[in-house]
PDB file of N, CA and C in Angstrom:
ATOM      1  N   MET A   1     -22.171 -58.114  71.472  1.00  0.00           N
ATOM      2  CA  MET A   1     -21.409 -56.938  71.753  1.00  0.00           C
ATOM      3  C   MET A   1     -20.352 -57.297  72.784  1.00  0.00           C
ATOM      4  N   GLY A   2     -19.150 -56.730  72.625  1.00  0.00           N
ATOM      5  CA  GLY A   2     -18.107 -56.960  73.598  1.00  0.00           C
ATOM      6  C   GLY A   2     -17.275 -55.707  73.773  1.00  0.00           C
ATOM      7  N   LEU A   3     -16.668 -55.567  74.915  1.00  0.00           N
ATOM      8  CA  LEU A   3     -15.778 -54.441  75.158  1.00  0.00           C
ATOM      9  C   LEU A   3     -14.368 -54.987  75.302  1.00  0.00           C
ATOM     10  N   ALA A   4     -13.417 -54.327  74.643  1.00  0.00           N
ATOM     11  CA  ALA A   4     -12.017 -54.744  74.717  1.00  0.00           C
ATOM     12  C   ALA A   4     -11.174 -53.552  75.114  1.00  0.00           C
ATOM     13  N   ALA A   5     -10.057 -53.821  75.803  1.00  0.00           N
ATOM     14  CA  ALA A   5      -9.151 -52.731  76.120  1.00  0.00           C
ATOM     15  C   ALA A   5      -8.692 -52.091  74.822  1.00  0.00           C
ATOM     16  N   CYS A   6      -8.669 -50.825  74.760  1.00  0.00           N
ATOM     17  CA  CYS A   6      -8.322 -50.262  73.487  1.00  0.00           C
ATOM     18  C   CYS A   6      -7.444 -49.025  73.618  1.00  0.00           C
ATOM     19  N   ALA A   7      -5.011 -45.709  70.854  1.00  0.00           N
ATOM     20  CA  ALA A   7      -4.615 -44.391  70.911  1.00  0.00           C
ATOM     21  C   ALA A   7      -5.266 -43.725  69.716  1.00  0.00           C
ATOM     22  N   ASN A   8      -6.578 -43.711  69.721  1.00  0.00           N
ATOM     23  CA  ASN A   8      -7.352 -43.233  68.598  1.00  0.00           C
ATOM     24  C   ASN A   8      -8.177 -42.045  69.078  1.00  0.00           C
ATOM     25  N   ASP A   9      -8.082 -40.919  68.405  1.00  0.00           N
ATOM     26  CA  ASP A   9      -8.890 -39.747  68.690  1.00  0.00           C
ATOM     27  C   ASP A   9      -9.298 -39.158  67.366  1.00  0.00           C
ATOM     28  N   PRO A  10     -10.347 -38.446  67.182  1.00  0.00           N
ATOM     29  CA  PRO A  10     -11.346 -38.022  68.154  1.00  0.00           C
ATOM     30  C   PRO A  10     -12.283 -39.164  68.556  1.00  0.00           C
ATOM     31  N   PRO A  11     -13.260 -38.848  69.407  1.00  0.00           N
ATOM     32  CA  PRO A  11     -14.172 -39.905  69.890  1.00  0.00           C
ATOM     33  C   PRO A  11     -14.888 -40.640  68.755  1.00  0.00           C
ATOM     34  N   TYR A  12     -15.161 -41.890  68.999  1.00  0.00           N
ATOM     35  CA  TYR A  12     -15.987 -42.743  68.147  1.00  0.00           C
ATOM     36  C   TYR A  12     -15.331 -43.145  66.828  1.00  0.00           C
ATOM     37  N   GLN A  13     -14.022 -43.043  66.726  1.00  0.00           N
ATOM     38  CA  GLN A  13     -13.325 -43.477  65.528  1.00  0.00           C
ATOM     39  C   GLN A  13     -13.233 -45.000  65.498  1.00  0.00           C
ATOM     40  N   PRO A  14     -13.033 -45.578  64.304  1.00  0.00           N
ATOM     41  CA  PRO A  14     -12.880 -47.027  64.211  1.00  0.00           C
ATOM     42  C   PRO A  14     -11.675 -47.493  65.020  1.00  0.00           C
ATOM     43  N   CYS A  15     -11.722 -48.724  65.495  1.00  0.00           N
ATOM     44  CA  CYS A  15     -10.617 -49.284  66.259  1.00  0.00           C
ATOM     45  C   CYS A  15     -10.544 -50.783  66.009  1.00  0.00           C
ATOM     46  N   ASP A  16      -9.382 -51.325  66.306  1.00  0.00           N
ATOM     47  CA  ASP A  16      -9.137 -52.755  66.311  1.00  0.00           C
ATOM     48  C   ASP A  16      -7.822 -52.995  67.046  1.00  0.00           C
ATOM     49  N   ARG A  17      -7.298 -54.213  67.017  1.00  0.00           N
ATOM     50  CA  ARG A  17      -6.069 -54.510  67.773  1.00  0.00           C
ATOM     51  C   ARG A  17      -4.885 -53.669  67.286  1.00  0.00           C
ATOM     52  N   GLU A  18      -4.829 -53.398  65.976  1.00  0.00           N
ATOM     53  CA  GLU A  18      -3.727 -52.605  65.431  1.00  0.00           C
ATOM     54  C   GLU A  18      -3.925 -51.097  65.626  1.00  0.00           C
ATOM     55  N   ASN A  19      -5.149 -50.662  65.833  1.00  0.00           N
ATOM     56  CA  ASN A  19      -5.510 -49.262  66.002  1.00  0.00           C
ATOM     57  C   ASN A  19      -6.358 -49.109  67.257  1.00  0.00           C
ATOM     58  N   PRO A  20      -5.711 -49.254  68.430  1.00  0.00           N
ATOM     59  CA  PRO A  20      -6.471 -49.215  69.681  1.00  0.00           C
ATOM     60  C   PRO A  20      -6.942 -47.822  70.059  1.00  0.00           C
ATOM     61  N   CYS A  21      -7.854 -47.764  70.984  1.00  0.00           N
ATOM     62  CA  CYS A  21      -8.350 -46.508  71.508  1.00  0.00           C
ATOM     63  C   CYS A  21      -7.437 -46.073  72.641  1.00  0.00           C
ATOM     64  N   GLY A  22      -7.343 -44.788  72.872  1.00  0.00           N
ATOM     65  CA  GLY A  22      -6.513 -44.338  73.955  1.00  0.00           C
ATOM     66  C   GLY A  22      -6.686 -42.892  74.272  1.00  0.00           C
ATOM     67  N   GLY A  23      -7.641 -42.231  73.587  1.00  0.00           N
ATOM     68  CA  GLY A  23      -7.898 -40.828  73.879  1.00  0.00           C
ATOM     69  C   GLY A  23      -8.420 -40.661  75.296  1.00  0.00           C
ATOM     70  N   SER A  24      -8.344 -39.464  75.790  1.00  0.00           N
ATOM     71  CA  SER A  24      -8.775 -39.215  77.167  1.00  0.00           C
ATOM     72  C   SER A  24     -10.270 -39.438  77.350  1.00  0.00           C
ATOM     73  N   ASP A  25     -11.045 -39.275  76.278  1.00  0.00           N
ATOM     74  CA  ASP A  25     -12.504 -39.426  76.368  1.00  0.00           C
ATOM     75  C   ASP A  25     -12.996 -40.820  75.978  1.00  0.00           C
ATOM     76  N   THR A  26     -12.221 -41.536  75.199  1.00  0.00           N
ATOM     77  CA  THR A  26     -12.706 -42.820  74.697  1.00  0.00           C
ATOM     78  C   THR A  26     -11.612 -43.873  74.819  1.00  0.00           C
ATOM     79  N   ARG A  27     -11.776 -44.749  75.798  1.00  0.00           N
ATOM     80  CA  ARG A  27     -10.732 -45.733  76.070  1.00  0.00           C
ATOM     81  C   ARG A  27     -11.124 -47.165  75.736  1.00  0.00           C
ATOM     82  N   LEU A  28     -12.330 -47.397  75.322  1.00  0.00           N
ATOM     83  CA  LEU A  28     -12.813 -48.750  75.032  1.00  0.00           C
ATOM     84  C   LEU A  28     -13.069 -48.914  73.552  1.00  0.00           C
ATOM     85  N   CYS A  29     -12.783 -50.088  73.033  1.00  0.00           N
ATOM     86  CA  CYS A  29     -13.123 -50.412  71.649  1.00  0.00           C
ATOM     87  C   CYS A  29     -14.373 -51.276  71.703  1.00  0.00           C
ATOM     88  N   LEU A  30     -15.504 -50.696  71.311  1.00  0.00           N
ATOM     89  CA  LEU A  30     -16.788 -51.400  71.324  1.00  0.00           C
ATOM     90  C   LEU A  30     -16.936 -52.172  70.045  1.00  0.00           C
ATOM     91  N   SER A  31     -17.310 -53.417  70.173  1.00  0.00           N
ATOM     92  CA  SER A  31     -17.571 -54.262  69.019  1.00  0.00           C
ATOM     93  C   SER A  31     -19.049 -54.649  69.055  1.00  0.00           C
ATOM     94  N   SER A  32     -19.750 -54.348  67.949  1.00  0.00           N
ATOM     95  CA  SER A  32     -21.168 -54.679  67.861  1.00  0.00           C
ATOM     96  C   SER A  32     -21.394 -55.478  66.583  1.00  0.00           C
ATOM     97  N   THR A  33     -22.041 -56.620  66.698  1.00  0.00           N
ATOM     98  CA  THR A  33     -22.276 -57.514  65.556  1.00  0.00           C
ATOM     99  C   THR A  33     -23.769 -57.690  65.353  1.00  0.00           C
ATOM    100  N   SER A  34     -24.218 -57.576  64.085  1.00  0.00           N
ATOM    101  CA  SER A  34     -25.633 -57.750  63.762  1.00  0.00           C
ATOM    102  C   SER A  34     -25.960 -59.227  63.652  1.00  0.00           C
ATOM    103  N   ALA A  35     -27.236 -59.531  63.570  1.00  0.00           N
ATOM    104  CA  ALA A  35     -27.686 -60.923  63.432  1.00  0.00           C
ATOM    105  C   ALA A  35     -27.171 -61.562  62.143  1.00  0.00           C
ATOM    106  N   THR A  36     -26.862 -60.734  61.132  1.00  0.00           N
ATOM    107  CA  THR A  36     -26.351 -61.259  59.858  1.00  0.00           C
ATOM    108  C   THR A  36     -24.835 -61.390  59.843  1.00  0.00           C
ATOM    109  N   GLY A  37     -24.166 -61.027  60.945  1.00  0.00           N
ATOM    110  CA  GLY A  37     -22.723 -61.189  61.037  1.00  0.00           C
ATOM    111  C   GLY A  37     -21.907 -59.944  60.735  1.00  0.00           C
ATOM    112  N   ASN A  38     -22.526 -58.830  60.357  1.00  0.00           N
ATOM    113  CA  ASN A  38     -21.772 -57.600  60.143  1.00  0.00           C
ATOM    114  C   ASN A  38     -21.294 -57.094  61.490  1.00  0.00           C
ATOM    115  N   THR A  39     -20.074 -56.559  61.521  1.00  0.00           N
ATOM    116  CA  THR A  39     -19.471 -56.075  62.773  1.00  0.00           C
ATOM    117  C   THR A  39     -18.914 -54.673  62.583  1.00  0.00           C
ATOM    118  N   VAL A  40     -19.115 -53.811  63.565  1.00  0.00           N
ATOM    119  CA  VAL A  40     -18.441 -52.515  63.630  1.00  0.00           C
ATOM    120  C   VAL A  40     -17.680 -52.462  64.951  1.00  0.00           C
ATOM    121  N   ARG A  41     -16.577 -51.730  64.940  1.00  0.00           N
ATOM    122  CA  ARG A  41     -15.802 -51.501  66.154  1.00  0.00           C
ATOM    123  C   ARG A  41     -15.472 -50.024  66.200  1.00  0.00           C
ATOM    124  N   PHE A  42     -15.741 -49.387  67.346  1.00  0.00           N
ATOM    125  CA  PHE A  42     -15.436 -47.959  67.478  1.00  0.00           C
ATOM    126  C   PHE A  42     -15.085 -47.632  68.925  1.00  0.00           C
ATOM    127  N   CYS A  43     -14.275 -46.560  69.067  1.00  0.00           N
ATOM    128  CA  CYS A  43     -13.847 -46.123  70.378  1.00  0.00           C
ATOM    129  C   CYS A  43     -15.000 -45.455  71.117  1.00  0.00           C
ATOM    130  N   THR A  44     -15.095 -45.759  72.393  1.00  0.00           N
ATOM    131  CA  THR A  44     -16.155 -45.176  73.217  1.00  0.00           C
ATOM    132  C   THR A  44     -15.722 -45.213  74.681  1.00  0.00           C
ATOM    133  N   THR A  45     -16.619 -44.872  75.549  1.00  0.00           N
ATOM    134  CA  THR A  45     -16.382 -44.915  76.977  1.00  0.00           C
ATOM    135  C   THR A  45     -17.658 -45.355  77.684  1.00  0.00           C
ATOM    136  N   ARG A  46     -17.522 -45.834  78.892  1.00  0.00           N
ATOM    137  CA  ARG A  46     -18.703 -46.194  79.683  1.00  0.00           C
ATOM    138  C   ARG A  46     -19.347 -44.930  80.222  1.00  0.00           C
ATOM    139  N   CYS A  47     -20.628 -44.999  80.495  1.00  0.00           N
ATOM    140  CA  CYS A  47     -21.371 -43.927  81.137  1.00  0.00           C
ATOM    141  C   CYS A  47     -22.278 -44.580  82.180  1.00  0.00           C
ATOM    142  N   THR A  48     -22.901 -43.799  83.029  1.00  0.00           N
ATOM    143  CA  THR A  48     -23.671 -44.404  84.121  1.00  0.00           C
ATOM    144  C   THR A  48     -25.177 -44.207  84.008  1.00  0.00           C
ATOM    145  N   THR A  49     -25.625 -43.109  83.401  1.00  0.00           N
ATOM    146  CA  THR A  49     -27.043 -42.802  83.373  1.00  0.00           C
ATOM    147  C   THR A  49     -27.566 -42.808  81.936  1.00  0.00           C
ATOM    148  N   PRO A  50     -28.282 -43.864  81.533  1.00  0.00           N
ATOM    149  CA  PRO A  50     -28.805 -43.878  80.165  1.00  0.00           C
ATOM    150  C   PRO A  50     -29.648 -42.634  79.857  1.00  0.00           C
ATOM    151  N   ALA A  51     -29.373 -42.019  78.704  1.00  0.00           N
ATOM    152  CA  ALA A  51     -30.073 -40.815  78.259  1.00  0.00           C
ATOM    153  C   ALA A  51     -29.882 -40.661  76.766  1.00  0.00           C
ATOM    154  N   ALA A  52     -30.879 -40.050  76.101  1.00  0.00           N
ATOM    155  CA  ALA A  52     -30.792 -39.823  74.653  1.00  0.00           C
ATOM    156  C   ALA A  52     -29.666 -38.863  74.285  1.00  0.00           C
ATOM    157  N   SER A  53     -29.322 -37.962  75.203  1.00  0.00           N
ATOM    158  CA  SER A  53     -28.193 -37.044  75.037  1.00  0.00           C
ATOM    159  C   SER A  53     -27.564 -36.892  76.411  1.00  0.00           C
ATOM    160  N   SER A  54     -26.294 -37.293  76.544  1.00  0.00           N
ATOM    161  CA  SER A  54     -25.695 -37.349  77.863  1.00  0.00           C
ATOM    162  C   SER A  54     -24.497 -36.427  78.011  1.00  0.00           C
ATOM    163  N   THR A  55     -24.446 -35.691  79.118  1.00  0.00           N
ATOM    164  CA  THR A  55     -23.286 -34.862  79.403  1.00  0.00           C
ATOM    165  C   THR A  55     -22.103 -35.721  79.831  1.00  0.00           C
ATOM    166  N   GLU A  56     -22.332 -36.997  80.111  1.00  0.00           N
ATOM    167  CA  GLU A  56     -21.243 -37.920  80.452  1.00  0.00           C
ATOM    168  C   GLU A  56     -20.464 -38.355  79.211  1.00  0.00           C
ATOM    169  N   CYS A  57     -21.033 -38.129  78.036  1.00  0.00           N
ATOM    170  CA  CYS A  57     -20.453 -38.631  76.785  1.00  0.00           C
ATOM    171  C   CYS A  57     -19.844 -37.521  75.943  1.00  0.00           C
ATOM    172  N   PRO A  58     -18.709 -37.796  75.268  1.00  0.00           N
ATOM    173  CA  PRO A  58     -18.163 -36.825  74.337  1.00  0.00           C
ATOM    174  C   PRO A  58     -19.178 -36.454  73.259  1.00  0.00           C
ATOM    175  N   ASN A  59     -19.232 -35.185  72.906  1.00  0.00           N
ATOM    176  CA  ASN A  59     -20.122 -34.694  71.844  1.00  0.00           C
ATOM    177  C   ASN A  59     -21.603 -34.933  72.142  1.00  0.00           C
ATOM    178  N   ALA A  60     -21.983 -34.972  73.412  1.00  0.00           N
ATOM    179  CA  ALA A  60     -23.377 -35.157  73.825  1.00  0.00           C
ATOM    180  C   ALA A  60     -24.016 -36.389  73.171  1.00  0.00           C
ATOM    181  N   ALA A  61     -23.232 -37.456  73.083  1.00  0.00           N
ATOM    182  CA  ALA A  61     -23.749 -38.711  72.514  1.00  0.00           C
ATOM    183  C   ALA A  61     -24.793 -39.299  73.436  1.00  0.00           C
ATOM    184  N   ALA A  62     -25.446 -40.346  72.939  1.00  0.00           N
ATOM    185  CA  ALA A  62     -26.430 -41.065  73.753  1.00  0.00           C
ATOM    186  C   ALA A  62     -25.694 -42.035  74.663  1.00  0.00           C
ATOM    187  N   CYS A  63     -26.197 -42.179  75.873  1.00  0.00           N
ATOM    188  CA  CYS A  63     -25.697 -43.164  76.819  1.00  0.00           C
ATOM    189  C   CYS A  63     -26.728 -44.285  76.834  1.00  0.00           C
ATOM    190  N   ILE A  64     -26.376 -45.437  76.270  1.00  0.00           N
ATOM    191  CA  ILE A  64     -27.343 -46.527  76.157  1.00  0.00           C
ATOM    192  C   ILE A  64     -26.722 -47.864  76.561  1.00  0.00           C
ATOM    193  N   ARG A  65     -27.595 -48.789  76.907  1.00  0.00           N
ATOM    194  CA  ARG A  65     -27.181 -50.148  77.214  1.00  0.00           C
ATOM    195  C   ARG A  65     -27.457 -51.005  75.972  1.00  0.00           C
ATOM    196  N   LEU A  66     -26.430 -51.231  75.183  1.00  0.00           N
ATOM    197  CA  LEU A  66     -26.593 -52.078  73.990  1.00  0.00           C
ATOM    198  C   LEU A  66     -26.725 -53.524  74.406  1.00  0.00           C
ATOM    199  N   ASN A  67     -27.758 -54.160  73.939  1.00  0.00           N
ATOM    200  CA  ASN A  67     -27.988 -55.581  74.230  1.00  0.00           C
ATOM    201  C   ASN A  67     -27.987 -55.899  75.717  1.00  0.00           C
ATOM    202  N   GLY A  68     -28.420 -54.954  76.545  1.00  0.00           N
ATOM    203  CA  GLY A  68     -28.517 -55.185  77.973  1.00  0.00           C
ATOM    204  C   GLY A  68     -27.201 -55.170  78.718  1.00  0.00           C
ATOM    205  N   GLY A  69     -26.114 -54.762  78.054  1.00  0.00           N
ATOM    206  CA  GLY A  69     -24.806 -54.737  78.703  1.00  0.00           C
ATOM    207  C   GLY A  69     -24.569 -53.441  79.469  1.00  0.00           C
ATOM    208  N   ASP A  70     -23.311 -53.170  79.755  1.00  0.00           N
ATOM    209  CA  ASP A  70     -22.945 -51.931  80.423  1.00  0.00           C
ATOM    210  C   ASP A  70     -23.374 -50.735  79.560  1.00  0.00           C
ATOM    211  N   ALA A  71     -23.723 -49.635  80.205  1.00  0.00           N
ATOM    212  CA  ALA A  71     -24.074 -48.412  79.479  1.00  0.00           C
ATOM    213  C   ALA A  71     -22.816 -47.824  78.859  1.00  0.00           C
ATOM    214  N   VAL A  72     -22.901 -47.478  77.585  1.00  0.00           N
ATOM    215  CA  VAL A  72     -21.776 -46.899  76.833  1.00  0.00           C
ATOM    216  C   VAL A  72     -22.278 -45.723  76.022  1.00  0.00           C
ATOM    217  N   CYS A  73     -21.347 -44.857  75.648  1.00  0.00           N
ATOM    218  CA  CYS A  73     -21.657 -43.705  74.812  1.00  0.00           C
ATOM    219  C   CYS A  73     -21.684 -44.143  73.353  1.00  0.00           C
ATOM    220  N   VAL A  74     -22.739 -43.761  72.635  1.00  0.00           N
ATOM    221  CA  VAL A  74     -22.885 -44.082  71.231  1.00  0.00           C
ATOM    222  C   VAL A  74     -23.230 -42.793  70.495  1.00  0.00           C
ATOM    223  N   PRO A  75     -22.537 -42.489  69.388  1.00  0.00           N
ATOM    224  CA  PRO A  75     -22.769 -41.217  68.708  1.00  0.00           C
ATOM    225  C   PRO A  75     -24.192 -41.108  68.153  1.00  0.00           C
ATOM    226  N   ARG A  76     -24.783 -39.926  68.337  1.00  0.00           N
ATOM    227  CA  ARG A  76     -26.094 -39.633  67.768  1.00  0.00           C
ATOM    228  C   ARG A  76     -25.895 -39.203  66.311  1.00  0.00           C
ATOM    229  N   CYS A  77     -26.943 -39.341  65.510  1.00  0.00           N
ATOM    230  CA  CYS A  77     -26.852 -38.977  64.098  1.00  0.00           C
ATOM    231  C   CYS A  77     -28.236 -38.667  63.530  1.00  0.00           C
ATOM    232  N   THR A  78     -28.249 -38.031  62.375  1.00  0.00           N
ATOM    233  CA  THR A  78     -29.491 -37.864  61.605  1.00  0.00           C
ATOM    234  C   THR A  78     -29.313 -38.479  60.215  1.00  0.00           C
ATOM    235  N   ALA A  79     -28.090 -38.862  59.860  1.00  0.00           N
ATOM    236  CA  ALA A  79     -27.788 -39.504  58.572  1.00  0.00           C
ATOM    237  C   ALA A  79     -26.544 -40.372  58.725  1.00  0.00           C
ATOM    238  N   VAL A  80     -26.439 -41.423  57.919  1.00  0.00           N
ATOM    239  CA  VAL A  80     -25.301 -42.329  57.974  1.00  0.00           C
ATOM    240  C   VAL A  80     -23.987 -41.585  57.824  1.00  0.00           C
ATOM    241  N   ALA A  81     -23.952 -40.542  57.000  1.00  0.00           N
ATOM    242  CA  ALA A  81     -22.725 -39.781  56.755  1.00  0.00           C
ATOM    243  C   ALA A  81     -22.137 -39.196  58.044  1.00  0.00           C
ATOM    244  N   GLN A  82     -22.935 -39.066  59.080  1.00  0.00           N
ATOM    245  CA  GLN A  82     -22.468 -38.530  60.362  1.00  0.00           C
ATOM    246  C   GLN A  82     -21.816 -39.594  61.224  1.00  0.00           C
ATOM    247  N   CYS A  83     -21.937 -40.846  60.864  1.00  0.00           N
ATOM    248  CA  CYS A  83     -21.361 -41.922  61.657  1.00  0.00           C
ATOM    249  C   CYS A  83     -19.873 -42.014  61.327  1.00  0.00           C
ATOM    250  N   PRO A  84     -19.012 -41.951  62.364  1.00  0.00           N
ATOM    251  CA  PRO A  84     -17.567 -41.855  62.149  1.00  0.00           C
ATOM    252  C   PRO A  84     -16.842 -43.174  61.921  1.00  0.00           C
ATOM    253  N   PHE A  85     -17.591 -44.264  61.743  1.00  0.00           N
ATOM    254  CA  PHE A  85     -16.942 -45.558  61.510  1.00  0.00           C
ATOM    255  C   PHE A  85     -17.658 -46.294  60.384  1.00  0.00           C
ATOM    256  N   PRO A  86     -16.924 -47.084  59.590  1.00  0.00           N
ATOM    257  CA  PRO A  86     -17.511 -47.789  58.455  1.00  0.00           C
ATOM    258  C   PRO A  86     -18.468 -48.897  58.900  1.00  0.00           C
ATOM    259  N   GLY A  87     -19.410 -49.241  58.043  1.00  0.00           N
ATOM    260  CA  GLY A  87     -20.355 -50.316  58.312  1.00  0.00           C
ATOM    261  C   GLY A  87     -21.501 -49.921  59.210  1.00  0.00           C
ATOM    262  N   ALA A  88     -21.713 -48.616  59.370  1.00  0.00           N
ATOM    263  CA  ALA A  88     -22.745 -48.139  60.299  1.00  0.00           C
ATOM    264  C   ALA A  88     -24.048 -47.823  59.596  1.00  0.00           C
ATOM    265  N   GLN A  89     -25.089 -47.764  60.373  1.00  0.00           N
ATOM    266  CA  GLN A  89     -26.371 -47.215  59.944  1.00  0.00           C
ATOM    267  C   GLN A  89     -26.809 -46.229  61.016  1.00  0.00           C
ATOM    268  N   CYS A  90     -27.649 -45.292  60.651  1.00  0.00           N
ATOM    269  CA  CYS A  90     -28.198 -44.319  61.587  1.00  0.00           C
ATOM    270  C   CYS A  90     -29.637 -44.738  61.855  1.00  0.00           C
ATOM    271  N   THR A  91     -29.895 -45.152  63.092  1.00  0.00           N
ATOM    272  CA  THR A  91     -31.208 -45.722  63.386  1.00  0.00           C
ATOM    273  C   THR A  91     -31.580 -45.511  64.848  1.00  0.00           C
ATOM    274  N   ALA A  92     -32.850 -45.557  65.115  1.00  0.00           N
ATOM    275  CA  ALA A  92     -33.337 -45.565  66.504  1.00  0.00           C
ATOM    276  C   ALA A  92     -33.374 -47.011  66.956  1.00  0.00           C
ATOM    277  N   LEU A  93     -32.829 -47.276  68.114  1.00  0.00           N
ATOM    278  CA  LEU A  93     -32.849 -48.617  68.700  1.00  0.00           C
ATOM    279  C   LEU A  93     -33.802 -48.626  69.879  1.00  0.00           C
ATOM    280  N   PRO A  94     -34.344 -49.761  70.249  1.00  0.00           N
ATOM    281  CA  PRO A  94     -35.215 -49.812  71.427  1.00  0.00           C
ATOM    282  C   PRO A  94     -34.539 -49.234  72.672  1.00  0.00           C
ATOM    283  N   GLU A  95     -33.220 -49.460  72.789  1.00  0.00           N
ATOM    284  CA  GLU A  95     -32.496 -48.988  73.962  1.00  0.00           C
ATOM    285  C   GLU A  95     -31.928 -47.593  73.824  1.00  0.00           C
ATOM    286  N   SER A  96     -32.155 -46.890  72.674  1.00  0.00           N
ATOM    287  CA  SER A  96     -31.565 -45.566  72.469  1.00  0.00           C
ATOM    288  C   SER A  96     -32.450 -44.430  72.961  1.00  0.00           C
ATOM    289  N   LEU A  97     -33.539 -44.750  73.651  1.00  0.00           N
ATOM    290  CA  LEU A  97     -34.383 -43.744  74.321  1.00  0.00           C
ATOM    291  C   LEU A  97     -34.878 -42.658  73.379  1.00  0.00           C
ATOM    292  N   GLY A  98     -35.205 -43.039  72.156  1.00  0.00           N
ATOM    293  CA  GLY A  98     -35.742 -42.090  71.173  1.00  0.00           C
ATOM    294  C   GLY A  98     -34.708 -41.428  70.308  1.00  0.00           C
ATOM    295  N   ALA A  99     -33.433 -41.530  70.648  1.00  0.00           N
ATOM    296  CA  ALA A  99     -32.377 -40.915  69.835  1.00  0.00           C
ATOM    297  C   ALA A  99     -32.035 -41.815  68.640  1.00  0.00           C
ATOM    298  N   THR A 100     -31.673 -41.194  67.522  1.00  0.00           N
ATOM    299  CA  THR A 100     -31.115 -41.982  66.423  1.00  0.00           C
ATOM    300  C   THR A 100     -29.614 -42.008  66.625  1.00  0.00           C
ATOM    301  N   VAL A 101     -29.044 -43.210  66.532  1.00  0.00           N
ATOM    302  CA  VAL A 101     -27.646 -43.399  66.850  1.00  0.00           C
ATOM    303  C   VAL A 101     -26.958 -44.239  65.755  1.00  0.00           C
ATOM    304  N   CYS A 102     -25.626 -44.145  65.712  1.00  0.00           N
ATOM    305  CA  CYS A 102     -24.848 -44.965  64.795  1.00  0.00           C
ATOM    306  C   CYS A 102     -24.731 -46.352  65.379  1.00  0.00           C
ATOM    307  N   ASN A 103     -25.057 -47.349  64.586  1.00  0.00           N
ATOM    308  CA  ASN A 103     -24.978 -48.720  65.036  1.00  0.00           C
ATOM    309  C   ASN A 103     -24.617 -49.590  63.840  1.00  0.00           C
ATOM    310  N   VAL A 104     -24.334 -50.847  64.074  1.00  0.00           N
ATOM    311  CA  VAL A 104     -23.956 -51.769  63.009  1.00  0.00           C
ATOM    312  C   VAL A 104     -25.111 -51.916  61.997  1.00  0.00           C
ATOM    313  N   ARG A 105     -24.743 -51.908  60.708  1.00  0.00           N
ATOM    314  CA  ARG A 105     -25.722 -52.119  59.635  1.00  0.00           C
ATOM    315  C   ARG A 105     -26.094 -53.595  59.606  1.00  0.00           C
ATOM    316  N   PRO A 106     -27.389 -53.882  59.424  1.00  0.00           N
ATOM    317  CA  PRO A 106     -27.796 -55.315  59.415  1.00  0.00           C
ATOM    318  C   PRO A 106     -27.224 -56.089  58.249  1.00  0.00           C
TER     319      PRO A 106
END
């Protein structure tokens, strides 16, 4: 996982160098890669207090530490169709504190 400087709104939309993030709520382009090499990139923001649903995050997303890194907002979901970026799966992660969140598909 890596964070890169990233004008994309609404929150959690796909991003890359040609489509950077820049909304008031989501200024970082989060890149997450699975063990099999699949990668997703989406706009997000840092948060400070990990929680399954956080008031620090747009749309009450989960504030989690992916792979032990900085805490970031990750959209919650109950189905893949709710994930706003391609290549996602809706799953509970060890670090998602019981919430199901959009993350890279294996």
